[in-house]
């Protein structure tokens, strides 16, 4: 539960905001802000142009991958530092 509370407070341009969580039995399922379009995987790996979506260029895919990497790096270091802080 403490981790969920921490995640709710995190603000970063490359991290989808956590709105809260839903408790199902003993499990806590995260609830994130709705992101329009499709999954990150579908955006990056799409090989077929559809009526609504075009195929991304290699440059655009790299930009998205870099943004995702920055978000993951931020989360990893923030969570690690908060976890080590709370353990001491």
N, C-alpha and C. Protein backbone atom coordinates (compact mmCIF):
# COMPACT_ATOMS: atom_id res chain seq x y z
N UNK A 1 0.82 -1.19 0.00
CA UNK A 1 0.00 0.00 0.00
C UNK A 1 0.86 1.26 0.00
N UNK A 2 1.95 1.25 0.72
CA UNK A 2 2.84 2.40 0.75
C UNK A 2 3.40 2.67 -0.64
N UNK A 3 3.69 1.60 -1.39
CA UNK A 3 4.21 1.77 -2.75
C UNK A 3 3.18 2.46 -3.64
N UNK A 4 1.91 2.08 -3.50
CA UNK A 4 0.85 2.71 -4.29
C UNK A 4 0.75 4.20 -3.95
N UNK A 5 0.84 4.53 -2.68
CA UNK A 5 0.78 5.93 -2.25
C UNK A 5 1.94 6.71 -2.84
N UNK A 6 3.12 6.09 -2.87
CA UNK A 6 4.30 6.72 -3.45
C UNK A 6 4.09 6.94 -4.94
N UNK A 7 3.60 5.93 -5.64
CA UNK A 7 3.38 6.03 -7.08
C UNK A 7 2.36 7.11 -7.43
N UNK A 8 1.37 7.31 -6.57
CA UNK A 8 0.36 8.35 -6.81
C UNK A 8 0.98 9.74 -6.82
N UNK A 9 2.07 9.93 -6.09
CA UNK A 9 2.70 11.24 -5.96
C UNK A 9 3.71 11.54 -7.06
N UNK A 10 4.11 10.54 -7.82
CA UNK A 10 5.16 10.71 -8.82
C UNK A 10 4.64 11.51 -10.01
N UNK A 11 5.40 12.52 -10.39
CA UNK A 11 5.09 13.34 -11.55
C UNK A 11 6.31 13.37 -12.46
N UNK A 12 6.16 12.91 -13.68
CA UNK A 12 7.24 12.91 -14.67
C UNK A 12 6.60 12.90 -16.04
N UNK A 13 7.15 13.65 -16.98
CA UNK A 13 6.52 13.76 -18.30
C UNK A 13 6.49 12.44 -19.07
N UNK A 14 7.32 11.48 -18.70
CA UNK A 14 7.36 10.20 -19.39
C UNK A 14 6.73 9.06 -18.60
N UNK A 15 5.96 9.40 -17.57
CA UNK A 15 5.29 8.39 -16.74
C UNK A 15 3.80 8.70 -16.70
N UNK A 16 2.98 7.71 -17.05
CA UNK A 16 1.52 7.89 -17.01
C UNK A 16 1.10 8.02 -15.54
N UNK A 17 0.33 9.05 -15.20
CA UNK A 17 -0.07 9.26 -13.81
C UNK A 17 -0.93 8.12 -13.25
N UNK A 18 -0.62 7.72 -12.04
CA UNK A 18 -1.43 6.73 -11.33
C UNK A 18 -2.54 7.49 -10.61
N UNK A 19 -3.77 7.12 -10.89
CA UNK A 19 -4.91 7.81 -10.26
C UNK A 19 -5.26 7.22 -8.91
N UNK A 20 -4.98 5.94 -8.74
CA UNK A 20 -5.33 5.26 -7.51
C UNK A 20 -5.22 3.76 -7.72
N UNK A 21 -5.92 3.01 -6.92
CA UNK A 21 -5.91 1.57 -7.07
C UNK A 21 -7.26 1.00 -6.68
N UNK A 22 -7.49 -0.20 -7.15
CA UNK A 22 -8.73 -0.92 -6.85
C UNK A 22 -8.35 -2.16 -6.06
N UNK A 23 -8.94 -2.34 -4.90
CA UNK A 23 -8.62 -3.50 -4.07
C UNK A 23 -9.58 -4.64 -4.40
N UNK A 24 -9.00 -5.76 -4.80
CA UNK A 24 -9.77 -6.98 -5.11
C UNK A 24 -9.21 -8.07 -4.22
N UNK A 25 -9.93 -8.41 -3.16
CA UNK A 25 -9.39 -9.36 -2.19
C UNK A 25 -8.18 -8.73 -1.53
N UNK A 26 -7.06 -9.42 -1.59
CA UNK A 26 -5.81 -8.89 -1.05
C UNK A 26 -4.99 -8.16 -2.10
N UNK A 27 -5.41 -8.25 -3.35
CA UNK A 27 -4.67 -7.60 -4.44
C UNK A 27 -5.06 -6.14 -4.58
N UNK A 28 -4.08 -5.32 -4.94
CA UNK A 28 -4.33 -3.92 -5.27
C UNK A 28 -3.95 -3.73 -6.73
N UNK A 29 -4.93 -3.38 -7.53
CA UNK A 29 -4.71 -3.21 -8.96
C UNK A 29 -4.60 -1.72 -9.28
N UNK A 30 -3.51 -1.32 -9.94
CA UNK A 30 -3.33 0.10 -10.23
C UNK A 30 -4.33 0.62 -11.26
N UNK A 31 -4.76 1.86 -11.08
CA UNK A 31 -5.66 2.53 -12.03
C UNK A 31 -4.90 3.75 -12.56
N UNK A 32 -4.61 3.72 -13.86
CA UNK A 32 -3.85 4.79 -14.48
C UNK A 32 -4.74 5.69 -15.32
N UNK A 33 -4.26 6.88 -15.57
CA UNK A 33 -4.95 7.81 -16.45
C UNK A 33 -5.11 7.15 -17.83
N UNK A 34 -6.26 7.36 -18.45
CA UNK A 34 -6.50 6.78 -19.77
C UNK A 34 -5.62 7.46 -20.80
N UNK A 35 -4.93 6.66 -21.58
CA UNK A 35 -4.08 7.18 -22.65
C UNK A 35 -4.74 6.86 -23.98
N UNK A 36 -5.00 7.89 -24.75
CA UNK A 36 -5.67 7.73 -26.04
C UNK A 36 -4.81 6.91 -27.01
N UNK A 37 -5.42 6.32 -27.97
CA UNK A 37 -4.82 5.51 -29.02
C UNK A 37 -4.64 4.09 -28.55
N UNK A 38 -3.43 3.55 -28.66
CA UNK A 38 -3.23 2.14 -28.33
C UNK A 38 -2.04 1.97 -27.41
N UNK A 39 -1.60 0.74 -27.27
CA UNK A 39 -0.46 0.48 -26.38
C UNK A 39 0.83 0.98 -27.02
N UNK A 40 1.82 1.18 -26.19
CA UNK A 40 3.14 1.60 -26.65
C UNK A 40 3.71 0.57 -27.63
N UNK A 41 3.55 -0.70 -27.31
CA UNK A 41 4.04 -1.76 -28.19
C UNK A 41 3.41 -1.67 -29.58
N UNK A 42 2.10 -1.47 -29.63
CA UNK A 42 1.42 -1.37 -30.92
C UNK A 42 1.89 -0.15 -31.71
N UNK A 43 2.12 0.96 -31.02
CA UNK A 43 2.59 2.17 -31.71
C UNK A 43 3.97 1.96 -32.33
N UNK A 44 4.86 1.35 -31.58
CA UNK A 44 6.24 1.19 -32.05
C UNK A 44 6.37 0.11 -33.12
N UNK A 45 5.63 -0.98 -32.97
CA UNK A 45 5.82 -2.13 -33.86
C UNK A 45 4.81 -2.23 -35.00
N UNK A 46 3.93 -1.25 -35.16
CA UNK A 46 2.93 -1.32 -36.23
C UNK A 46 3.63 -1.37 -37.59
N UNK A 47 3.21 -2.31 -38.39
CA UNK A 47 3.81 -2.48 -39.71
C UNK A 47 2.80 -2.20 -40.83
N UNK A 48 1.53 -2.10 -40.46
CA UNK A 48 0.49 -1.90 -41.47
C UNK A 48 -0.24 -0.59 -41.18
N UNK A 49 -0.35 0.24 -42.19
CA UNK A 49 -1.07 1.50 -42.05
C UNK A 49 -2.57 1.20 -42.02
N UNK A 50 -3.26 1.81 -41.08
CA UNK A 50 -4.72 1.67 -41.01
C UNK A 50 -5.35 3.01 -41.37
N UNK A 51 -6.65 3.02 -41.46
CA UNK A 51 -7.37 4.26 -41.79
C UNK A 51 -7.05 5.37 -40.80
N UNK A 52 -7.01 5.03 -39.53
CA UNK A 52 -6.82 6.04 -38.48
C UNK A 52 -5.35 6.27 -38.11
N UNK A 53 -4.48 5.31 -38.36
CA UNK A 53 -3.10 5.41 -37.87
C UNK A 53 -2.09 5.19 -39.00
N UNK A 54 -1.08 6.02 -38.99
CA UNK A 54 0.00 5.85 -39.96
C UNK A 54 1.13 5.07 -39.31
N UNK A 55 2.05 4.60 -40.12
CA UNK A 55 3.23 3.90 -39.62
C UNK A 55 4.24 4.95 -39.17
N UNK A 56 4.80 4.78 -37.98
CA UNK A 56 5.79 5.73 -37.46
C UNK A 56 7.12 5.57 -38.18
N UNK A 57 7.84 6.67 -38.30
CA UNK A 57 9.18 6.62 -38.87
C UNK A 57 10.14 6.05 -37.83
N UNK A 58 11.30 5.65 -38.28
CA UNK A 58 12.32 5.13 -37.35
C UNK A 58 12.69 6.20 -36.33
N UNK A 59 12.80 7.44 -36.77
CA UNK A 59 13.14 8.55 -35.87
C UNK A 59 12.07 8.72 -34.78
N UNK A 60 10.79 8.63 -35.16
CA UNK A 60 9.70 8.75 -34.19
C UNK A 60 9.72 7.59 -33.20
N UNK A 61 9.99 6.39 -33.69
CA UNK A 61 10.06 5.21 -32.81
C UNK A 61 11.18 5.36 -31.79
N UNK A 62 12.33 5.86 -32.25
CA UNK A 62 13.46 6.07 -31.34
C UNK A 62 13.12 7.11 -30.28
N UNK A 63 12.42 8.17 -30.68
CA UNK A 63 12.03 9.22 -29.73
C UNK A 63 11.10 8.65 -28.65
N UNK A 64 10.16 7.82 -29.07
CA UNK A 64 9.24 7.18 -28.12
C UNK A 64 10.01 6.25 -27.19
N UNK A 65 10.92 5.46 -27.75
CA UNK A 65 11.71 4.53 -26.94
C UNK A 65 12.58 5.28 -25.93
N UNK A 66 13.16 6.39 -26.35
CA UNK A 66 13.97 7.20 -25.42
C UNK A 66 13.11 7.76 -24.28
N UNK A 67 11.92 8.23 -24.62
CA UNK A 67 11.01 8.75 -23.59
C UNK A 67 10.62 7.67 -22.60
N UNK A 68 10.31 6.48 -23.11
CA UNK A 68 9.95 5.36 -22.22
C UNK A 68 11.13 4.99 -21.33
N UNK A 69 12.33 5.01 -21.90
CA UNK A 69 13.53 4.69 -21.13
C UNK A 69 13.75 5.72 -20.03
N UNK A 70 13.55 6.99 -20.34
CA UNK A 70 13.71 8.04 -19.32
C UNK A 70 12.70 7.86 -18.19
N UNK A 71 11.47 7.51 -18.54
CA UNK A 71 10.45 7.27 -17.52
C UNK A 71 10.79 6.09 -16.64
N UNK A 72 11.24 4.99 -17.25
CA UNK A 72 11.62 3.80 -16.48
C UNK A 72 12.83 4.08 -15.59
N UNK A 73 13.81 4.80 -16.12
CA UNK A 73 14.99 5.16 -15.34
C UNK A 73 14.57 5.99 -14.12
N UNK A 74 13.72 6.97 -14.35
CA UNK A 74 13.22 7.81 -13.26
C UNK A 74 12.52 6.97 -12.20
N UNK A 75 11.59 6.11 -12.63
CA UNK A 75 10.87 5.26 -11.68
C UNK A 75 11.81 4.34 -10.91
N UNK A 76 12.74 3.72 -11.61
CA UNK A 76 13.67 2.79 -10.97
C UNK A 76 14.46 3.50 -9.86
N UNK A 77 14.98 4.67 -10.17
CA UNK A 77 15.81 5.37 -9.18
C UNK A 77 14.99 6.01 -8.07
N UNK A 78 13.82 6.52 -8.38
CA UNK A 78 12.96 7.09 -7.34
C UNK A 78 12.48 6.00 -6.39
N UNK A 79 11.96 4.91 -6.94
CA UNK A 79 11.46 3.81 -6.11
C UNK A 79 12.60 3.21 -5.29
N UNK A 80 13.76 3.01 -5.91
CA UNK A 80 14.91 2.44 -5.19
C UNK A 80 15.33 3.36 -4.05
N UNK A 81 15.38 4.66 -4.30
CA UNK A 81 15.81 5.58 -3.24
C UNK A 81 14.76 5.66 -2.13
N UNK A 82 13.49 5.63 -2.48
CA UNK A 82 12.44 5.66 -1.45
C UNK A 82 12.42 4.37 -0.65
N UNK A 83 12.64 3.24 -1.32
CA UNK A 83 12.66 1.95 -0.63
C UNK A 83 13.83 1.88 0.33
N UNK A 84 15.01 2.32 -0.12
CA UNK A 84 16.17 2.27 0.77
C UNK A 84 16.00 3.24 1.93
N UNK A 85 15.34 4.37 1.68
CA UNK A 85 15.10 5.35 2.74
C UNK A 85 14.15 4.79 3.81
N UNK A 86 13.11 4.09 3.37
CA UNK A 86 12.14 3.57 4.33
C UNK A 86 12.65 2.35 5.08
N UNK A 87 13.66 1.66 4.53
CA UNK A 87 14.20 0.47 5.20
C UNK A 87 15.18 0.83 6.31
N UNK A 88 15.72 2.05 6.27
CA UNK A 88 16.72 2.42 7.29
C UNK A 88 16.08 3.02 8.50
